Amino acid sequence: MRKEGGSRSKVVTSDKLQIENKTIYVDLKENDGGRFLQIAELSNDRRSTVVIPCSGLPVFLESIQKIKNNME
C-alpha cells in the first residue's frame, strides 16, 4: 500500500479509463483520516494525481455536472 498523508491507505473500489492516449485511474480509498477519491492520470509515462476528500465530493460532482451541461 502507498502512503497518503502519512498513513497507509487501502483501495475500497477502483475504475480504470482509457481515453485517447491517457489512462485514468479513479480510486475510492481510505486511511486513518477517512475516505477520499484519488484520480490519477498516466500519460506519456508521467503520472499526475488529484485527491478529493469525501466531504468535498458533492461539490466536485456538482462542478462536473455543470461542465457536462455546458458541453451539450
C-alpha atoms as a PDB file:
ATOM      1  CA  MET A   1       0.000   0.000   0.000  1.00  0.00           C
ATOM      2  CA  ARG A   2       1.139   3.546  -0.716  1.00  0.00           C
ATOM      3  CA  LYS A   3       1.293   6.291   1.849  1.00  0.00           C
ATOM      4  CA  GLU A   4      -1.263   9.086   1.593  1.00  0.00           C
ATOM      5  CA  GLY A   5      -0.861  11.959   4.018  1.00  0.00           C
ATOM      6  CA  GLY A   6       1.337   9.965   6.379  1.00  0.00           C
ATOM      7  CA  SER A   7      -0.922   6.957   6.886  1.00  0.00           C
ATOM      8  CA  ARG A   8      -1.414   3.801   4.876  1.00  0.00           C
ATOM      9  CA  SER A   9      -4.358   3.783   2.509  1.00  0.00           C
ATOM     10  CA  LYS A  10      -6.345   0.933   1.056  1.00  0.00           C
ATOM     11  CA  VAL A  11      -8.441   0.849  -2.095  1.00  0.00           C
ATOM     12  CA  VAL A  12     -12.176   0.484  -1.424  1.00  0.00           C
ATOM     13  CA  THR A  13     -13.197   0.447  -5.093  1.00  0.00           C
ATOM     14  CA  SER A  14     -11.484   1.337  -8.331  1.00  0.00           C
ATOM     15  CA  ASP A  15     -12.079   2.021 -12.017  1.00  0.00           C
ATOM     16  CA  LYS A  16      -9.686   2.386 -14.943  1.00  0.00           C
ATOM     17  CA  LEU A  17     -10.479   4.510 -18.009  1.00  0.00           C
ATOM     18  CA  GLN A  18      -8.640   4.567 -21.308  1.00  0.00           C
ATOM     19  CA  ILE A  19      -9.265   7.903 -23.069  1.00  0.00           C
ATOM     20  CA  GLU A  20      -7.196   8.701 -26.150  1.00  0.00           C
ATOM     21  CA  ASN A  21      -3.539   8.296 -25.094  1.00  0.00           C
ATOM     22  CA  LYS A  22      -4.302   8.620 -21.384  1.00  0.00           C
ATOM     23  CA  THR A  23      -5.014   6.044 -18.731  1.00  0.00           C
ATOM     24  CA  ILE A  24      -7.068   7.420 -15.841  1.00  0.00           C
ATOM     25  CA  TYR A  25      -7.443   5.611 -12.530  1.00  0.00           C
ATOM     26  CA  VAL A  26     -10.372   6.569 -10.301  1.00  0.00           C
ATOM     27  CA  ASP A  27      -9.985   5.097  -6.829  1.00  0.00           C
ATOM     28  CA  LEU A  28     -12.041   5.403  -3.680  1.00  0.00           C
ATOM     29  CA  LYS A  29      -9.518   4.928  -0.894  1.00  0.00           C
ATOM     30  CA  GLU A  30      -9.484   5.132   2.868  1.00  0.00           C
ATOM     31  CA  ASN A  31      -6.909   5.672   5.547  1.00  0.00           C
ATOM     32  CA  ASP A  32      -6.895   6.725   9.202  1.00  0.00           C
ATOM     33  CA  GLY A  33      -8.169  10.161   8.140  1.00  0.00           C
ATOM     34  CA  GLY A  34     -11.218   8.748   6.326  1.00  0.00           C
ATOM     35  CA  ARG A  35     -12.259   8.095   2.746  1.00  0.00           C
ATOM     36  CA  PHE A  36     -11.144  10.071  -0.281  1.00  0.00           C
ATOM     37  CA  LEU A  37     -11.309   9.996  -4.063  1.00  0.00           C
ATOM     38  CA  GLN A  38      -8.000   9.751  -5.873  1.00  0.00           C
ATOM     39  CA  ILE A  39      -7.870  10.451  -9.600  1.00  0.00           C
ATOM     40  CA  ALA A  40      -4.575   9.644 -11.300  1.00  0.00           C
ATOM     41  CA  GLU A  41      -3.660  10.207 -14.936  1.00  0.00           C
ATOM     42  CA  LEU A  42      -0.895   8.327 -16.673  1.00  0.00           C
ATOM     43  CA  SER A  43       0.157   9.941 -19.950  1.00  0.00           C
ATOM     44  CA  ASN A  44       3.490   9.561 -21.739  1.00  0.00           C
ATOM     45  CA  ASP A  45       4.988   7.826 -18.672  1.00  0.00           C
ATOM     46  CA  ARG A  46       4.070  10.782 -16.471  1.00  0.00           C
ATOM     47  CA  ARG A  47       1.643  10.454 -13.553  1.00  0.00           C
ATOM     48  CA  SER A  48      -0.490  13.272 -12.129  1.00  0.00           C
ATOM     49  CA  THR A  49      -2.760  12.800  -9.123  1.00  0.00           C
ATOM     50  CA  VAL A  50      -5.625  14.721  -7.538  1.00  0.00           C
ATOM     51  CA  VAL A  51      -7.052  13.794  -4.143  1.00  0.00           C
ATOM     52  CA  ILE A  52     -10.529  14.930  -3.049  1.00  0.00           C
ATOM     53  CA  PRO A  53     -11.787  14.243   0.482  1.00  0.00           C
ATOM     54  CA  CYS A  54     -15.210  12.569   0.618  1.00  0.00           C
ATOM     55  CA  SER A  55     -16.585  15.706   2.263  1.00  0.00           C
ATOM     56  CA  GLY A  56     -15.821  17.571  -0.990  1.00  0.00           C
ATOM     57  CA  LEU A  57     -17.344  15.012  -3.382  1.00  0.00           C
ATOM     58  CA  PRO A  58     -20.823  16.607  -3.615  1.00  0.00           C
ATOM     59  CA  VAL A  59     -19.315  19.977  -4.626  1.00  0.00           C
ATOM     60  CA  PHE A  60     -16.890  18.277  -7.025  1.00  0.00           C
ATOM     61  CA  LEU A  61     -19.664  16.272  -8.703  1.00  0.00           C
ATOM     62  CA  GLU A  62     -21.830  19.397  -8.960  1.00  0.00           C
ATOM     63  CA  SER A  63     -18.992  21.157 -10.765  1.00  0.00           C
ATOM     64  CA  ILE A  64     -18.527  18.234 -13.158  1.00  0.00           C
ATOM     65  CA  GLN A  65     -22.287  18.226 -13.873  1.00  0.00           C
ATOM     66  CA  LYS A  66     -22.200  21.964 -14.689  1.00  0.00           C
ATOM     67  CA  ILE A  67     -19.377  21.384 -17.145  1.00  0.00           C
ATOM     68  CA  LYS A  68     -21.201  18.431 -18.703  1.00  0.00           C
ATOM     69  CA  ASN A  69     -24.356  20.526 -19.126  1.00  0.00           C
ATOM     70  CA  ASN A  70     -22.349  23.222 -20.953  1.00  0.00           C
ATOM     71  CA  MET A  71     -20.992  20.600 -23.370  1.00  0.00           C
ATOM     72  CA  GLU A  72     -24.446  19.627 -24.587  1.00  0.00           C
END
